[in-house]
């Protein structure tokens, strides 16, 4: 059963980037190997002291802007259940590019506590085309199958630009107040690219009581500055060996970043 996720301190969420899954162009034909890599990363994050982990189908590029295929959900369920079995850390799901229903279903099946939604409200022009948020369906579906699960929603998500002349403050208000997101995520322009600190400060001033998370580009060097204005970070790339995206998670890098985040 999913449990509420309401941390009271600065939050560090480690990203488990799954290798290509069945049905994707780079699928290697060995799901056990995919799961073994996910478990190794999960254990490294736990040893390093993170507060939670989030599983995402990062290796499945190119992504669909709509619902993912059944084999993707099945493989992510196998990986998520395996991660759940070896750690008591809160577990989240991000089903790329924007399948919030699948992420919620995975939480219900695997004991997850939160999801990440790239486009929850509004519309974004992305490399998958135009993606429209569907907070109406997402929030109602959550109430049916896993009402305790938290929705962490991006505002002007990475690898995308907003359709329409919306200031980031306006989009943040809509995501929080009309989309009923439990936390807002601010990211940079792409994977591994830090957010604009001015954007973070603007959202903080506009939504002073919101939970704000940083969704990309967090490193040991900048985490302290960003956490002056935010409540937590979702981080993966800089915690890999050598800071390389496709390398395994390095628990020493994790521990060093967590230490600064706690300071």
Protein backbone atom coordinates (compact mmCIF):
# COMPACT_ATOMS: atom_id res chain seq x y z
CA UNK A 1 0.00 0.00 0.00
CA UNK A 2 1.28 3.46 -0.86
CA UNK A 3 2.28 5.67 2.06
CA UNK A 4 2.16 9.48 2.27
CA UNK A 5 5.51 11.14 1.57
CA UNK A 6 5.82 14.31 3.64
CA UNK A 7 9.46 14.92 4.57
CA UNK A 8 10.27 17.72 7.00
CA UNK A 9 13.88 18.36 5.98
CA UNK A 10 15.71 19.27 2.78
CA UNK A 11 15.03 16.38 0.44
CA UNK A 12 17.49 14.46 -1.74
CA UNK A 13 15.86 12.10 -4.26
CA UNK A 14 18.15 9.85 -6.28
CA UNK A 15 17.19 8.97 -9.85
CA UNK A 16 17.39 5.36 -11.01
CA UNK A 17 17.80 5.66 -14.77
CA UNK A 18 16.59 2.34 -16.15
CA UNK A 19 18.46 0.88 -19.10
CA UNK A 20 16.41 0.35 -22.30
CA UNK A 21 13.29 -1.74 -21.69
CA UNK A 22 11.42 -4.22 -23.92
CA UNK A 23 9.97 -2.51 -26.97
CA UNK A 24 12.48 0.34 -27.07
CA UNK A 25 15.02 0.65 -29.92
CA UNK A 26 18.05 -0.05 -27.73
CA UNK A 27 16.53 -2.92 -25.74
CA UNK A 28 19.27 -5.47 -25.08
CA UNK A 29 17.06 -8.50 -24.52
CA UNK A 30 17.93 -9.13 -20.86
CA UNK A 31 15.51 -7.76 -18.27
CA UNK A 32 17.45 -9.34 -15.39
CA UNK A 33 20.46 -7.23 -16.34
CA UNK A 34 18.30 -4.09 -16.36
CA UNK A 35 16.95 -4.92 -12.91
CA UNK A 36 20.40 -5.78 -11.54
CA UNK A 37 21.69 -2.34 -12.61
CA UNK A 38 18.65 -0.69 -11.00
CA UNK A 39 19.20 -2.57 -7.74
CA UNK A 40 22.88 -1.62 -7.66
CA UNK A 41 21.98 2.04 -8.08
CA UNK A 42 19.26 1.80 -5.43
CA UNK A 43 21.69 0.30 -2.92
CA UNK A 44 24.30 2.95 -3.74
CA UNK A 45 21.76 5.70 -3.13
CA UNK A 46 20.70 4.15 0.16
CA UNK A 47 24.31 3.79 1.35
CA UNK A 48 24.88 7.43 0.43
CA UNK A 49 21.94 8.56 2.57
CA UNK A 50 19.28 9.84 0.14
CA UNK A 51 15.71 10.35 1.33
CA UNK A 52 14.01 8.59 -1.60
CA UNK A 53 14.58 7.14 -5.06
CA UNK A 54 12.64 7.60 -8.28
CA UNK A 55 12.60 5.07 -11.12
CA UNK A 56 12.29 6.29 -14.70
CA UNK A 57 12.50 4.67 -18.14
CA UNK A 58 15.33 6.94 -19.23
CA UNK A 59 16.79 4.44 -21.67
CA UNK A 60 13.64 4.22 -23.79
CA UNK A 61 14.32 7.20 -26.08
CA UNK A 62 12.73 8.31 -28.28
CA UNK A 63 9.78 8.82 -25.97
CA UNK A 64 6.08 8.98 -26.71
CA UNK A 65 4.08 12.05 -25.74
CA UNK A 66 1.07 9.87 -24.88
CA UNK A 67 0.63 6.64 -22.94
CA UNK A 68 3.47 4.12 -23.00
CA UNK A 69 2.97 0.58 -24.25
CA UNK A 70 2.05 -2.31 -21.91
CA UNK A 71 5.50 -3.89 -22.08
CA UNK A 72 7.03 -0.71 -20.68
CA UNK A 73 4.71 -0.71 -17.69
CA UNK A 74 5.28 -4.43 -17.13
CA UNK A 75 9.08 -4.02 -17.16
CA UNK A 76 8.96 -0.97 -14.90
CA UNK A 77 6.75 -2.89 -12.50
CA UNK A 78 9.28 -5.71 -12.36
CA UNK A 79 12.09 -3.23 -11.72
CA UNK A 80 10.08 -1.19 -9.21
CA UNK A 81 9.00 -4.26 -7.25
CA UNK A 82 12.59 -5.44 -7.11
CA UNK A 83 13.76 -2.06 -5.80
CA UNK A 84 10.93 -2.03 -3.27
CA UNK A 85 12.03 -5.46 -2.00
CA UNK A 86 15.58 -4.35 -1.10
CA UNK A 87 15.05 -0.88 0.37
CA UNK A 88 12.67 0.87 2.72
CA UNK A 89 13.31 4.23 1.04
CA UNK A 90 10.22 5.99 -0.35
CA UNK A 91 9.86 5.04 -4.01
CA UNK A 92 8.63 7.15 -6.92
CA UNK A 93 8.04 6.73 -10.64
CA UNK A 94 8.43 8.96 -13.68
CA UNK A 95 7.11 7.36 -16.88
CA UNK A 96 8.57 9.30 -19.80
CA UNK A 97 7.54 11.36 -21.44
CA UNK A 98 4.33 12.12 -19.61
CA UNK A 99 2.34 9.02 -18.67
CA UNK A 100 1.06 10.01 -15.23
CA UNK A 101 -1.57 7.26 -15.20
CA UNK A 102 1.09 4.60 -15.68
CA UNK A 103 3.22 6.15 -12.93
CA UNK A 104 0.27 6.11 -10.53
CA UNK A 105 -0.52 2.51 -11.44
CA UNK A 106 3.10 1.59 -10.72
CA UNK A 107 2.87 3.26 -7.33
CA UNK A 108 -0.27 1.28 -6.56
CA UNK A 109 1.36 -2.00 -7.63
CA UNK A 110 4.84 -1.46 -6.17
CA UNK A 111 4.20 0.48 -2.98
CA UNK A 112 5.29 3.82 -4.42
CA UNK A 113 4.84 7.12 -2.63
CA UNK A 114 5.13 9.79 -5.34
CA UNK A 115 5.24 10.42 -9.08
CA UNK A 116 6.86 13.02 -11.31
CA UNK A 117 4.76 14.53 -14.08
CA UNK A 118 6.62 16.55 -16.74
CA UNK A 119 3.53 18.41 -18.02
CA UNK A 120 0.71 18.52 -15.48
CA UNK A 121 -1.00 21.74 -16.56
CA UNK A 122 -0.69 23.94 -19.64
CA UNK A 123 1.00 22.85 -22.85
CA UNK A 124 4.65 22.50 -23.83
CA UNK A 125 6.42 22.25 -27.17
CA UNK A 126 8.82 19.33 -26.82
CA UNK A 127 10.93 17.00 -28.94
CA UNK A 128 7.86 14.70 -28.92
CA UNK A 129 5.63 17.47 -30.26
CA UNK A 130 3.01 19.36 -28.28
CA UNK A 131 2.26 17.81 -24.90
CA UNK A 132 -0.83 18.98 -23.02
CA UNK A 133 -1.21 18.59 -19.29
CA UNK A 134 -4.13 16.61 -17.97
CA UNK A 135 -4.38 17.38 -14.28
CA UNK A 136 -8.11 16.63 -14.42
CA UNK A 137 -7.57 12.98 -15.30
CA UNK A 138 -4.41 12.50 -13.24
CA UNK A 139 -5.83 13.76 -9.96
CA UNK A 140 -9.07 11.82 -10.35
CA UNK A 141 -7.25 8.62 -11.28
CA UNK A 142 -5.04 9.00 -8.21
CA UNK A 143 -8.11 9.24 -5.98
CA UNK A 144 -9.36 5.95 -7.40
CA UNK A 145 -6.25 3.80 -7.05
CA UNK A 146 -3.66 5.40 -4.71
CA UNK A 147 -4.99 8.53 -2.95
CA UNK A 148 -1.97 8.85 -0.66
CA UNK A 149 0.54 9.21 -3.52
CA UNK A 150 2.04 12.67 -4.01
CA UNK A 151 2.20 14.40 -7.39
CA UNK A 152 5.45 16.27 -8.07
CA UNK A 153 4.87 18.38 -11.19
CA UNK A 154 7.35 20.23 -13.39
CA UNK A 155 6.89 23.90 -14.20
CA UNK A 156 8.30 24.81 -17.65
CA UNK A 157 9.95 21.39 -17.81
CA UNK A 158 13.36 20.71 -19.39
CA UNK A 159 13.66 19.76 -23.07
CA UNK A 160 10.62 21.95 -23.77
CA UNK A 161 9.30 25.48 -24.07
CA UNK A 162 5.83 26.67 -23.02
CA UNK A 163 3.14 27.37 -25.56
CA UNK A 164 1.84 30.83 -24.90
CA UNK A 165 3.39 33.81 -23.19
CA UNK A 166 3.14 32.46 -19.65
CA UNK A 167 5.52 33.74 -17.01
CA UNK A 168 6.94 31.01 -14.83
CA UNK A 169 5.12 32.45 -11.80
CA UNK A 170 1.75 32.12 -13.56
CA UNK A 171 2.45 28.54 -14.60
CA UNK A 172 3.57 27.70 -11.07
CA UNK A 173 0.34 29.11 -9.63
CA UNK A 174 -1.76 27.12 -12.08
CA UNK A 175 0.15 23.90 -11.39
CA UNK A 176 -0.17 24.32 -7.65
CA UNK A 177 -3.59 25.89 -7.18
CA UNK A 178 -5.56 24.59 -10.17
CA UNK A 179 -3.63 21.38 -10.89
CA UNK A 180 -3.41 20.51 -7.16
CA UNK A 181 0.21 19.40 -7.39
CA UNK A 182 1.84 18.49 -4.08
CA UNK A 183 5.23 19.90 -5.11
CA UNK A 184 6.65 21.99 -7.95
CA UNK A 185 9.78 21.01 -9.89
CA UNK A 186 12.04 23.59 -11.52
CA UNK A 187 14.65 22.36 -14.00
CA UNK A 188 17.15 23.66 -16.52
CA UNK A 189 16.91 23.40 -20.29
CA UNK A 190 17.95 19.73 -20.43
CA UNK A 191 19.18 16.68 -18.57
CA UNK A 192 22.15 17.62 -16.39
CA UNK A 193 21.60 21.36 -16.92
CA UNK A 194 21.03 23.40 -13.78
CA UNK A 195 17.93 25.53 -13.35
CA UNK A 196 18.15 29.30 -13.60
CA UNK A 197 18.46 30.45 -10.00
CA UNK A 198 16.34 33.49 -10.86
CA UNK A 199 13.51 31.17 -11.94
CA UNK A 200 13.70 29.35 -8.62
CA UNK A 201 13.60 32.61 -6.69
CA UNK A 202 10.67 33.90 -8.75
CA UNK A 203 8.64 30.75 -8.09
CA UNK A 204 9.51 30.91 -4.40
CA UNK A 205 8.29 34.51 -4.15
CA UNK A 206 5.14 33.71 -6.11
CA UNK A 207 4.34 30.51 -4.18
CA UNK A 208 5.89 31.01 -0.74
CA UNK A 209 4.19 28.00 0.83
CA UNK A 210 4.83 25.55 -2.02
CA UNK A 211 7.22 22.61 -1.84
CA UNK A 212 9.82 23.38 -4.51
CA UNK A 213 12.24 20.79 -5.87
CA UNK A 214 15.13 21.19 -8.32
CA UNK A 215 14.80 18.73 -11.19
CA UNK A 216 18.10 18.83 -13.09
CA UNK A 217 21.74 19.89 -12.98
CA UNK A 218 22.32 19.60 -9.24
CA UNK A 219 25.96 19.08 -8.26
CA UNK A 220 28.06 19.15 -5.12
CA UNK A 221 29.13 22.69 -6.03
CA UNK A 222 25.65 24.23 -6.43
CA UNK A 223 23.35 22.22 -4.16
CA UNK A 224 23.93 24.46 -1.14
CA UNK A 225 23.01 27.63 -3.02
CA UNK A 226 19.90 26.11 -4.59
CA UNK A 227 18.66 24.71 -1.29
CA UNK A 228 18.60 28.21 0.16
CA UNK A 229 15.51 28.72 -2.00
CA UNK A 230 14.14 25.21 -2.51
CA UNK A 231 12.97 22.28 -0.40
CA UNK A 232 14.84 19.50 -2.15
CA UNK A 233 16.55 18.11 -5.22
CA UNK A 234 16.01 15.28 -7.71
CA UNK A 235 19.49 14.29 -8.82
CA UNK A 236 21.14 11.56 -10.86
CA UNK A 237 23.83 12.55 -13.35
CA UNK A 238 26.33 14.17 -10.98
CA UNK A 239 26.09 11.19 -8.60
CA UNK A 240 27.31 8.70 -11.22
CA UNK A 241 30.94 7.62 -11.45
CA UNK A 242 32.88 10.55 -12.86
CA UNK A 243 29.64 12.49 -13.15
CA UNK A 244 28.86 10.59 -16.36
CA UNK A 245 25.18 9.93 -17.08
CA UNK A 246 25.43 6.29 -18.14
CA UNK A 247 27.79 5.16 -15.36
CA UNK A 248 26.67 3.43 -12.12
CA UNK A 249 25.79 5.52 -9.08
CA UNK A 250 28.80 6.25 -6.84
CA UNK A 251 27.82 6.09 -3.14
CA UNK A 252 30.71 8.36 -2.20
CA UNK A 253 29.40 11.09 -4.49
CA UNK A 254 25.93 10.56 -3.03
CA UNK A 255 27.19 10.86 0.55
CA UNK A 256 29.14 14.03 -0.22
CA UNK A 257 26.12 15.75 -1.78
CA UNK A 258 23.77 14.61 1.01
CA UNK A 259 26.19 16.01 3.60
CA UNK A 260 26.08 19.45 1.99
CA UNK A 261 22.29 19.29 1.61
CA UNK A 262 21.92 18.56 5.31
CA UNK A 263 24.24 21.40 6.36
